[in-house]
Amino acid sequence: MPRPRQRLPVFSSPNLIRQVSPVEKTDKKFMFLLCVLVVGIVGLSVVVFIAANLVGDQDYGKSEAQIALAKERLAPIGQVNVAGAAVAADNLVSVQAAPRSGVEVYNSICMACHDAGIAGAPKRGDKAAWAARLSQGKEVLYQHALNGKGAMPAKGGNPALSDAEVKAAVDYLIK
């Protein structure tokens, strides 16, 4: 009778011996280098953090003169007036600007449209274009300039102009 063959354990079977492929070697090498790189970056970050704390640990701006200057710069400019509190009238300054001439008003506002004839605006010096408008009367022209007409806003878009300044600009425009 033949002798029974002895069975080998599974892990020692020649078919199950694991061979390491070149791809696995490359993957292991990559993972090792990646770990070294991450540890190196973390280590460098710790060193930079410590160095920054050592160098930047100085007291700047702590002198009394610098603190006083900072308080002066940060002081409020004005104060809040509450209902019932007296308002300091002596601090108020009334500024009245001298009225501008018709030429100044025209050159600062009106010329933007009336020199180019934008949106049908009659050009300065165009007697034919102004003749039809002047036939309605100067007061109608003044009212159109003060209150606006068509694309032209009231007072040419500058509500700070006085009525006299607008009328002076109209007089200059129709010359």
N, C-alpha and C. Protein backbone atom coordinates (compact mmCIF):
# COMPACT_ATOMS: atom_id res chain seq x y z
N MET A 1 0.81 -1.14 0.00
CA MET A 1 0.00 0.00 0.00
C MET A 1 0.88 1.24 0.00
N PRO A 2 0.45 2.13 -0.80
CA PRO A 2 1.30 3.31 -0.84
C PRO A 2 1.15 4.13 0.44
N ARG A 3 2.11 4.68 0.67
CA ARG A 3 2.16 5.47 1.88
C ARG A 3 1.34 6.75 1.67
N PRO A 4 0.48 7.13 2.63
CA PRO A 4 -0.33 8.33 2.44
C PRO A 4 0.55 9.59 2.43
N ARG A 5 0.19 10.37 1.59
CA ARG A 5 0.96 11.60 1.45
C ARG A 5 0.58 12.56 2.57
N GLN A 6 1.58 13.14 3.11
CA GLN A 6 1.35 14.04 4.23
C GLN A 6 0.90 15.40 3.69
N ARG A 7 -0.12 15.89 4.27
CA ARG A 7 -0.64 17.19 3.81
C ARG A 7 0.11 18.32 4.49
N LEU A 8 0.46 19.28 3.66
CA LEU A 8 1.15 20.46 4.18
C LEU A 8 0.11 21.52 4.58
N PRO A 9 0.43 22.30 5.55
CA PRO A 9 -0.51 23.37 5.90
C PRO A 9 -0.70 24.32 4.71
N VAL A 10 -1.84 24.99 4.70
CA VAL A 10 -2.22 25.83 3.58
C VAL A 10 -1.23 26.96 3.38
N PHE A 11 -0.77 27.56 4.46
CA PHE A 11 0.10 28.72 4.31
C PHE A 11 1.47 28.35 3.76
N SER A 12 1.82 27.10 3.79
CA SER A 12 3.12 26.72 3.26
C SER A 12 3.01 26.12 1.88
N SER A 13 1.83 26.21 1.31
CA SER A 13 1.63 25.66 -0.02
C SER A 13 2.44 26.48 -1.02
N PRO A 14 3.07 25.83 -1.96
CA PRO A 14 3.88 26.58 -2.93
C PRO A 14 3.03 27.50 -3.79
N ASN A 15 1.73 27.22 -3.94
CA ASN A 15 0.87 28.07 -4.75
C ASN A 15 0.49 29.37 -4.04
N LEU A 16 0.58 29.36 -2.73
CA LEU A 16 0.13 30.52 -1.96
C LEU A 16 1.28 31.43 -1.53
N ILE A 17 2.45 31.13 -1.91
CA ILE A 17 3.57 32.00 -1.54
C ILE A 17 3.40 33.29 -2.32
N ARG A 18 3.39 34.34 -1.59
CA ARG A 18 3.10 35.64 -2.19
C ARG A 18 4.35 36.24 -2.76
N GLN A 19 4.22 36.66 -3.98
CA GLN A 19 5.32 37.34 -4.65
C GLN A 19 5.01 38.84 -4.61
N VAL A 20 5.99 39.66 -4.30
CA VAL A 20 5.82 41.11 -4.28
C VAL A 20 6.09 41.63 -5.67
N SER A 21 5.09 42.30 -6.21
CA SER A 21 5.22 42.80 -7.58
C SER A 21 5.98 44.13 -7.57
N PRO A 22 6.53 44.55 -8.70
CA PRO A 22 7.24 45.83 -8.77
C PRO A 22 6.32 47.02 -8.50
N VAL A 23 5.03 46.90 -8.84
CA VAL A 23 4.10 47.99 -8.58
C VAL A 23 3.93 48.19 -7.08
N GLU A 24 3.84 47.09 -6.33
CA GLU A 24 3.70 47.20 -4.88
C GLU A 24 4.94 47.82 -4.26
N LYS A 25 6.11 47.50 -4.79
CA LYS A 25 7.34 48.10 -4.28
C LYS A 25 7.32 49.61 -4.51
N THR A 26 6.85 50.02 -5.69
CA THR A 26 6.78 51.44 -6.01
C THR A 26 5.78 52.14 -5.10
N ASP A 27 4.63 51.50 -4.84
CA ASP A 27 3.62 52.08 -3.96
C ASP A 27 4.16 52.26 -2.54
N LYS A 28 4.88 51.26 -2.05
CA LYS A 28 5.44 51.36 -0.70
C LYS A 28 6.47 52.47 -0.63
N LYS A 29 7.28 52.60 -1.66
CA LYS A 29 8.29 53.64 -1.69
C LYS A 29 7.62 55.02 -1.74
N PHE A 30 6.56 55.16 -2.54
CA PHE A 30 5.83 56.42 -2.63
C PHE A 30 5.22 56.79 -1.28
N MET A 31 4.59 55.83 -0.62
CA MET A 31 3.98 56.11 0.68
C MET A 31 5.03 56.52 1.70
N PHE A 32 6.17 55.88 1.67
CA PHE A 32 7.25 56.23 2.59
C PHE A 32 7.71 57.68 2.34
N LEU A 33 7.93 58.02 1.07
CA LEU A 33 8.37 59.38 0.75
C LEU A 33 7.30 60.42 1.08
N LEU A 34 6.03 60.07 0.88
CA LEU A 34 4.95 60.99 1.22
C LEU A 34 4.91 61.24 2.73
N CYS A 35 5.09 60.20 3.51
CA CYS A 35 5.10 60.35 4.97
C CYS A 35 6.28 61.21 5.41
N VAL A 36 7.44 60.98 4.81
CA VAL A 36 8.62 61.78 5.15
C VAL A 36 8.37 63.25 4.80
N LEU A 37 7.75 63.50 3.65
CA LEU A 37 7.46 64.87 3.24
C LEU A 37 6.48 65.54 4.20
N VAL A 38 5.42 64.86 4.59
CA VAL A 38 4.43 65.44 5.51
C VAL A 38 5.07 65.72 6.86
N VAL A 39 5.85 64.79 7.37
CA VAL A 39 6.52 65.00 8.66
C VAL A 39 7.49 66.17 8.55
N GLY A 40 8.19 66.29 7.42
CA GLY A 40 9.12 67.40 7.22
C GLY A 40 8.40 68.75 7.20
N ILE A 41 7.27 68.82 6.51
CA ILE A 41 6.51 70.08 6.45
C ILE A 41 5.98 70.46 7.82
N VAL A 42 5.46 69.49 8.55
CA VAL A 42 4.96 69.76 9.91
C VAL A 42 6.10 70.23 10.80
N GLY A 43 7.24 69.58 10.70
CA GLY A 43 8.40 69.98 11.50
C GLY A 43 8.87 71.38 11.17
N LEU A 44 8.92 71.70 9.88
CA LEU A 44 9.33 73.04 9.46
C LEU A 44 8.33 74.09 9.94
N SER A 45 7.04 73.76 9.91
CA SER A 45 6.01 74.69 10.39
C SER A 45 6.18 74.97 11.88
N VAL A 46 6.49 73.95 12.64
CA VAL A 46 6.71 74.12 14.08
C VAL A 46 7.91 75.03 14.32
N VAL A 47 8.99 74.81 13.58
CA VAL A 47 10.20 75.63 13.74
C VAL A 47 9.90 77.09 13.39
N VAL A 48 9.19 77.32 12.29
CA VAL A 48 8.85 78.69 11.88
C VAL A 48 7.94 79.34 12.92
N PHE A 49 6.98 78.62 13.45
CA PHE A 49 6.07 79.15 14.46
C PHE A 49 6.84 79.57 15.71
N ILE A 50 7.74 78.73 16.16
CA ILE A 50 8.53 79.05 17.35
C ILE A 50 9.41 80.26 17.09
N ALA A 51 10.06 80.31 15.92
CA ALA A 51 10.93 81.44 15.60
C ALA A 51 10.13 82.74 15.52
N ALA A 52 8.94 82.69 14.95
CA ALA A 52 8.11 83.89 14.84
C ALA A 52 7.70 84.39 16.22
N ASN A 53 7.39 83.49 17.12
CA ASN A 53 7.01 83.90 18.47
C ASN A 53 8.19 84.48 19.23
N LEU A 54 9.38 83.97 18.99
CA LEU A 54 10.56 84.51 19.67
C LEU A 54 10.92 85.89 19.14
N VAL A 55 10.85 86.07 17.84
CA VAL A 55 11.23 87.35 17.23
C VAL A 55 10.14 88.39 17.44
N GLY A 56 8.90 88.04 17.30
CA GLY A 56 7.80 88.99 17.36
C GLY A 56 7.29 89.27 18.75
N ASP A 57 8.01 88.90 19.77
CA ASP A 57 7.54 89.06 21.14
C ASP A 57 8.06 90.35 21.76
N GLN A 58 8.04 91.43 21.00
CA GLN A 58 8.50 92.71 21.51
C GLN A 58 7.30 93.62 21.71
N ASP A 59 7.41 94.53 22.65
CA ASP A 59 6.33 95.48 22.92
C ASP A 59 6.54 96.74 22.09
N TYR A 60 5.68 96.92 21.09
CA TYR A 60 5.73 98.12 20.27
C TYR A 60 4.56 99.01 20.66
N GLY A 61 4.80 100.30 20.69
CA GLY A 61 3.73 101.26 20.93
C GLY A 61 3.25 101.31 22.36
N LYS A 62 4.08 100.99 23.32
CA LYS A 62 3.63 100.99 24.70
C LYS A 62 4.07 102.25 25.46
N SER A 63 4.78 103.17 24.80
CA SER A 63 5.22 104.37 25.51
C SER A 63 4.02 105.29 25.74
N GLU A 64 4.13 106.13 26.73
CA GLU A 64 3.02 107.03 27.09
C GLU A 64 2.74 108.02 25.97
N ALA A 65 3.78 108.49 25.30
CA ALA A 65 3.58 109.45 24.21
C ALA A 65 2.81 108.81 23.05
N GLN A 66 3.14 107.58 22.72
CA GLN A 66 2.45 106.91 21.63
C GLN A 66 1.01 106.59 22.00
N ILE A 67 0.77 106.24 23.24
CA ILE A 67 -0.60 105.97 23.69
C ILE A 67 -1.43 107.26 23.64
N ALA A 68 -0.83 108.38 24.05
CA ALA A 68 -1.55 109.65 24.01
C ALA A 68 -1.87 110.05 22.57
N LEU A 69 -0.92 109.84 21.65
CA LEU A 69 -1.17 110.15 20.24
C LEU A 69 -2.28 109.27 19.67
N ALA A 70 -2.28 108.00 20.04
CA ALA A 70 -3.32 107.10 19.54
C ALA A 70 -4.69 107.51 20.07
N LYS A 71 -4.77 107.90 21.35
CA LYS A 71 -6.05 108.34 21.91
C LYS A 71 -6.54 109.61 21.23
N GLU A 72 -5.61 110.51 20.90
CA GLU A 72 -5.99 111.75 20.22
C GLU A 72 -6.53 111.45 18.82
N ARG A 73 -5.89 110.52 18.10
CA ARG A 73 -6.34 110.17 16.76
C ARG A 73 -7.69 109.46 16.79
N LEU A 74 -7.95 108.70 17.84
CA LEU A 74 -9.19 107.93 17.93
C LEU A 74 -10.32 108.67 18.63
N ALA A 75 -10.06 109.90 19.08
CA ALA A 75 -11.10 110.67 19.77
C ALA A 75 -12.22 111.00 18.80
N PRO A 76 -13.46 111.03 19.27
CA PRO A 76 -14.58 111.34 18.38
C PRO A 76 -14.48 112.78 17.87
N ILE A 77 -14.95 112.96 16.66
CA ILE A 77 -14.88 114.28 16.03
C ILE A 77 -15.99 115.19 16.56
N GLY A 78 -17.15 114.64 16.75
CA GLY A 78 -18.29 115.43 17.22
C GLY A 78 -18.96 114.75 18.38
N GLN A 79 -20.15 115.22 18.69
CA GLN A 79 -20.91 114.60 19.77
C GLN A 79 -22.36 114.49 19.34
N VAL A 80 -23.06 113.61 20.00
CA VAL A 80 -24.47 113.38 19.70
C VAL A 80 -25.30 114.37 20.50
N ASN A 81 -26.20 115.06 19.83
CA ASN A 81 -27.12 115.96 20.52
C ASN A 81 -28.41 115.22 20.79
N VAL A 82 -28.79 115.20 22.05
CA VAL A 82 -29.99 114.49 22.48
C VAL A 82 -31.13 115.51 22.58
N ALA A 83 -32.34 115.05 22.35
CA ALA A 83 -33.50 115.94 22.44
C ALA A 83 -33.55 116.59 23.81
N GLY A 84 -33.74 117.89 23.84
CA GLY A 84 -33.82 118.60 25.10
C GLY A 84 -32.49 119.19 25.52
N ALA A 85 -31.39 118.71 24.95
CA ALA A 85 -30.08 119.25 25.31
C ALA A 85 -29.83 120.51 24.49
N ALA A 86 -29.15 121.45 25.10
CA ALA A 86 -28.86 122.70 24.40
C ALA A 86 -27.79 122.45 23.34
N VAL A 87 -28.01 123.00 22.18
CA VAL A 87 -27.06 122.86 21.08
C VAL A 87 -26.08 124.01 21.16
N ALA A 88 -24.82 123.69 21.00
CA ALA A 88 -23.79 124.72 21.06
C ALA A 88 -23.85 125.55 19.78
N ALA A 89 -24.52 126.70 19.86
CA ALA A 89 -24.70 127.54 18.67
C ALA A 89 -23.43 128.27 18.29
N ASP A 90 -22.52 128.45 19.25
CA ASP A 90 -21.30 129.19 18.93
C ASP A 90 -20.36 128.38 18.03
N ASN A 91 -20.55 127.07 17.93
CA ASN A 91 -19.70 126.25 17.07
C ASN A 91 -20.21 126.19 15.64
N LEU A 92 -21.44 126.66 15.40
CA LEU A 92 -22.01 126.61 14.07
C LEU A 92 -21.45 127.73 13.21
N VAL A 93 -21.11 127.38 11.99
CA VAL A 93 -20.58 128.37 11.06
C VAL A 93 -21.52 128.42 9.87
N SER A 94 -21.96 129.59 9.54
CA SER A 94 -22.85 129.75 8.39
C SER A 94 -22.00 130.16 7.19
N VAL A 95 -22.10 129.36 6.14
CA VAL A 95 -21.33 129.65 4.95
C VAL A 95 -22.29 129.97 3.82
N GLN A 96 -22.20 131.15 3.31
CA GLN A 96 -23.00 131.57 2.17
C GLN A 96 -22.04 131.80 1.01
N ALA A 97 -22.16 130.97 0.00
CA ALA A 97 -21.30 131.15 -1.16
C ALA A 97 -21.85 132.28 -2.02
N ALA A 98 -20.93 132.97 -2.65
CA ALA A 98 -21.35 134.04 -3.55
C ALA A 98 -22.07 133.41 -4.74
N PRO A 99 -23.15 134.03 -5.20
CA PRO A 99 -23.86 133.44 -6.34
C PRO A 99 -22.96 133.39 -7.57
N ARG A 100 -23.08 132.28 -8.29
CA ARG A 100 -22.25 132.11 -9.48
C ARG A 100 -22.90 132.81 -10.66
N SER A 101 -22.06 133.20 -11.58
CA SER A 101 -22.56 133.89 -12.77
C SER A 101 -23.17 132.86 -13.72
N GLY A 102 -23.89 133.37 -14.71
CA GLY A 102 -24.51 132.49 -15.70
C GLY A 102 -23.47 131.70 -16.48
N VAL A 103 -22.32 132.32 -16.76
CA VAL A 103 -21.25 131.63 -17.49
C VAL A 103 -20.70 130.47 -16.67
N GLU A 104 -20.49 130.70 -15.36
CA GLU A 104 -19.97 129.64 -14.49
C GLU A 104 -20.95 128.47 -14.39
N VAL A 105 -22.22 128.78 -14.22
CA VAL A 105 -23.22 127.72 -14.12
C VAL A 105 -23.31 126.95 -15.43
N TYR A 106 -23.33 127.69 -16.55
CA TYR A 106 -23.40 127.03 -17.86
C TYR A 106 -22.19 126.11 -18.07
N ASN A 107 -20.99 126.62 -17.77
CA ASN A 107 -19.77 125.82 -18.00
C ASN A 107 -19.67 124.62 -17.07
N SER A 108 -20.26 124.71 -15.89
CA SER A 108 -20.15 123.58 -14.96
C SER A 108 -21.24 122.53 -15.15
N ILE A 109 -22.41 122.92 -15.66
CA ILE A 109 -23.52 121.97 -15.74
C ILE A 109 -24.14 121.90 -17.13
N CYS A 110 -24.58 123.04 -17.63
CA CYS A 110 -25.43 123.07 -18.84
C CYS A 110 -24.70 122.65 -20.10
N MET A 111 -23.41 122.96 -20.19
CA MET A 111 -22.69 122.72 -21.44
C MET A 111 -22.58 121.24 -21.78
N ALA A 112 -22.72 120.37 -20.80
CA ALA A 112 -22.61 118.93 -21.07
C ALA A 112 -23.64 118.49 -22.10
N CYS A 113 -24.82 119.06 -22.05
CA CYS A 113 -25.87 118.68 -23.02
C CYS A 113 -26.05 119.73 -24.11
N HIS A 114 -26.00 121.01 -23.75
CA HIS A 114 -26.32 122.06 -24.72
C HIS A 114 -25.20 122.34 -25.71
N ASP A 115 -23.96 121.98 -25.42
CA ASP A 115 -22.89 122.13 -26.42
C ASP A 115 -22.97 121.04 -27.47
N ALA A 116 -23.40 119.84 -27.07
CA ALA A 116 -23.45 118.71 -28.00
C ALA A 116 -24.84 118.48 -28.58
N GLY A 117 -25.86 119.12 -28.02
CA GLY A 117 -27.22 118.92 -28.50
C GLY A 117 -27.78 117.57 -28.11
N ILE A 118 -27.40 117.07 -26.96
CA ILE A 118 -27.84 115.76 -26.50
C ILE A 118 -29.33 115.78 -26.19
N ALA A 119 -30.04 114.73 -26.59
CA ALA A 119 -31.47 114.52 -26.34
C ALA A 119 -32.31 115.69 -26.84
N GLY A 120 -31.88 116.30 -27.94
CA GLY A 120 -32.66 117.38 -28.54
C GLY A 120 -32.48 118.72 -27.87
N ALA A 121 -31.47 118.85 -27.00
CA ALA A 121 -31.23 120.13 -26.33
C ALA A 121 -30.74 121.14 -27.36
N PRO A 122 -31.34 122.33 -27.41
CA PRO A 122 -30.88 123.33 -28.37
C PRO A 122 -29.48 123.81 -28.01
N LYS A 123 -28.64 123.96 -29.02
CA LYS A 123 -27.25 124.36 -28.79
C LYS A 123 -27.17 125.85 -28.50
N ARG A 124 -26.16 126.21 -27.74
CA ARG A 124 -25.92 127.61 -27.41
C ARG A 124 -25.54 128.35 -28.69
N GLY A 125 -26.16 129.48 -28.91
CA GLY A 125 -25.86 130.29 -30.08
C GLY A 125 -26.66 129.93 -31.32
N ASP A 126 -27.49 128.87 -31.25
CA ASP A 126 -28.31 128.48 -32.40
C ASP A 126 -29.61 129.29 -32.37
N LYS A 127 -29.61 130.41 -33.10
CA LYS A 127 -30.74 131.35 -33.05
C LYS A 127 -32.05 130.70 -33.53
N ALA A 128 -31.97 129.86 -34.55
CA ALA A 128 -33.18 129.23 -35.10
C ALA A 128 -33.81 128.28 -34.09
N ALA A 129 -32.99 127.52 -33.39
CA ALA A 129 -33.52 126.56 -32.41
C ALA A 129 -34.14 127.28 -31.22
N TRP A 130 -33.56 128.43 -30.84
CA TRP A 130 -34.07 129.15 -29.69
C TRP A 130 -35.27 130.04 -30.04
N ALA A 131 -35.46 130.37 -31.31
CA ALA A 131 -36.54 131.29 -31.70
C ALA A 131 -37.91 130.74 -31.32
N ALA A 132 -38.14 129.45 -31.58
CA ALA A 132 -39.44 128.85 -31.24
C ALA A 132 -39.66 128.84 -29.73
N ARG A 133 -38.61 128.61 -29.00
CA ARG A 133 -38.75 128.57 -27.53
C ARG A 133 -38.94 129.98 -26.96
N LEU A 134 -38.23 130.95 -27.55
CA LEU A 134 -38.36 132.33 -27.07
C LEU A 134 -39.73 132.92 -27.39
N SER A 135 -40.40 132.37 -28.39
CA SER A 135 -41.74 132.88 -28.73
C SER A 135 -42.74 132.59 -27.61
N GLN A 136 -42.45 131.60 -26.78
CA GLN A 136 -43.32 131.28 -25.64
C GLN A 136 -43.08 132.24 -24.48
N GLY A 137 -41.97 132.93 -24.50
CA GLY A 137 -41.64 133.87 -23.44
C GLY A 137 -40.49 133.37 -22.58
N LYS A 138 -39.76 134.34 -22.03
CA LYS A 138 -38.61 134.00 -21.19
C LYS A 138 -39.03 133.28 -19.91
N GLU A 139 -40.17 133.65 -19.37
CA GLU A 139 -40.63 133.03 -18.12
C GLU A 139 -40.87 131.53 -18.31
N VAL A 140 -41.34 131.13 -19.47
CA VAL A 140 -41.53 129.70 -19.75
C VAL A 140 -40.18 128.99 -19.79
N LEU A 141 -39.18 129.64 -20.40
CA LEU A 141 -37.83 129.06 -20.41
C LEU A 141 -37.28 128.92 -18.99
N TYR A 142 -37.50 129.96 -18.18
CA TYR A 142 -37.04 129.89 -16.79
C TYR A 142 -37.71 128.72 -16.05
N GLN A 143 -39.02 128.56 -16.26
CA GLN A 143 -39.75 127.47 -15.59
C GLN A 143 -39.25 126.11 -16.05
N HIS A 144 -38.96 125.97 -17.34
CA HIS A 144 -38.42 124.69 -17.84
C HIS A 144 -37.06 124.41 -17.23
N ALA A 145 -36.23 125.44 -17.09
CA ALA A 145 -34.90 125.25 -16.51
C ALA A 145 -34.99 124.94 -15.01
N LEU A 146 -35.93 125.59 -14.32
CA LEU A 146 -36.06 125.39 -12.87
C LEU A 146 -36.73 124.06 -12.53
N ASN A 147 -37.73 123.66 -13.31
CA ASN A 147 -38.52 122.47 -12.98
C ASN A 147 -38.21 121.27 -13.86
N GLY A 148 -37.44 121.46 -14.92
CA GLY A 148 -37.10 120.37 -15.81
C GLY A 148 -38.09 120.24 -16.94
N LYS A 149 -37.60 119.70 -18.06
CA LYS A 149 -38.48 119.48 -19.22
C LYS A 149 -37.87 118.36 -20.04
N GLY A 150 -38.67 117.35 -20.36
CA GLY A 150 -38.17 116.23 -21.17
C GLY A 150 -37.03 115.52 -20.46
N ALA A 151 -35.90 115.41 -21.14
CA ALA A 151 -34.75 114.71 -20.55
C ALA A 151 -33.96 115.60 -19.61
N MET A 152 -34.23 116.90 -19.61
CA MET A 152 -33.48 117.82 -18.75
C MET A 152 -34.05 117.80 -17.33
N PRO A 153 -33.21 117.49 -16.33
CA PRO A 153 -33.70 117.50 -14.95
C PRO A 153 -33.85 118.93 -14.44
N ALA A 154 -34.57 119.07 -13.35
CA ALA A 154 -34.75 120.38 -12.73
C ALA A 154 -33.39 120.94 -12.33
N LYS A 155 -33.19 122.21 -12.61
CA LYS A 155 -31.95 122.93 -12.31
C LYS A 155 -30.73 122.21 -12.89
N GLY A 156 -30.93 121.54 -14.01
CA GLY A 156 -29.82 120.86 -14.68
C GLY A 156 -29.28 119.68 -13.89
N GLY A 157 -29.99 119.26 -12.86
CA GLY A 157 -29.55 118.13 -12.05
C GLY A 157 -28.80 118.56 -10.80
N ASN A 158 -28.67 119.85 -10.54
CA ASN A 158 -27.98 120.34 -9.35
C ASN A 158 -28.97 121.14 -8.50
N PRO A 159 -29.60 120.49 -7.51
CA PRO A 159 -30.60 121.19 -6.70
C PRO A 159 -30.00 122.27 -5.81
N ALA A 160 -28.67 122.33 -5.69
CA ALA A 160 -28.03 123.35 -4.85
C ALA A 160 -28.02 124.72 -5.53
N LEU A 161 -28.32 124.78 -6.82
CA LEU A 161 -28.34 126.06 -7.52
C LEU A 161 -29.54 126.89 -7.07
N SER A 162 -29.30 128.18 -6.95
CA SER A 162 -30.42 129.08 -6.63
C SER A 162 -31.19 129.38 -7.91
N ASP A 163 -32.39 129.90 -7.73
CA ASP A 163 -33.20 130.26 -8.90
C ASP A 163 -32.52 131.35 -9.72
N ALA A 164 -31.88 132.29 -9.03
CA ALA A 164 -31.20 133.39 -9.74
C ALA A 164 -30.04 132.85 -10.58
N GLU A 165 -29.31 131.87 -10.06
CA GLU A 165 -28.20 131.29 -10.82
C GLU A 165 -28.71 130.57 -12.07
N VAL A 166 -29.82 129.86 -11.93
CA VAL A 166 -30.39 129.14 -13.08
C VAL A 166 -30.87 130.14 -14.13
N LYS A 167 -31.52 131.22 -13.69
CA LYS A 167 -32.00 132.23 -14.63
C LYS A 167 -30.83 132.91 -15.34
N ALA A 168 -29.74 133.16 -14.62
CA ALA A 168 -28.55 133.76 -15.24
C ALA A 168 -27.97 132.82 -16.29
N ALA A 169 -27.99 131.52 -16.02
CA ALA A 169 -27.48 130.55 -17.00
C ALA A 169 -28.38 130.52 -18.24
N VAL A 170 -29.69 130.63 -18.05
CA VAL A 170 -30.62 130.67 -19.19
C VAL A 170 -30.36 131.92 -20.03
N ASP A 171 -30.17 133.06 -19.36
CA ASP A 171 -29.90 134.30 -20.09
C ASP A 171 -28.61 134.17 -20.90
N TYR A 172 -27.59 133.55 -20.32
CA TYR A 172 -26.33 133.35 -21.05
C TYR A 172 -26.53 132.39 -22.22
N LEU A 173 -27.34 131.39 -22.03
CA LEU A 173 -27.53 130.35 -23.04
C LEU A 173 -28.26 130.88 -24.28
N ILE A 174 -29.18 131.81 -24.10
CA ILE A 174 -29.97 132.28 -25.25
C ILE A 174 -29.36 133.49 -25.93
N LYS A 175 -28.23 133.97 -25.48
CA LYS A 175 -27.57 135.12 -26.13
C LYS A 175 -27.15 134.75 -27.52
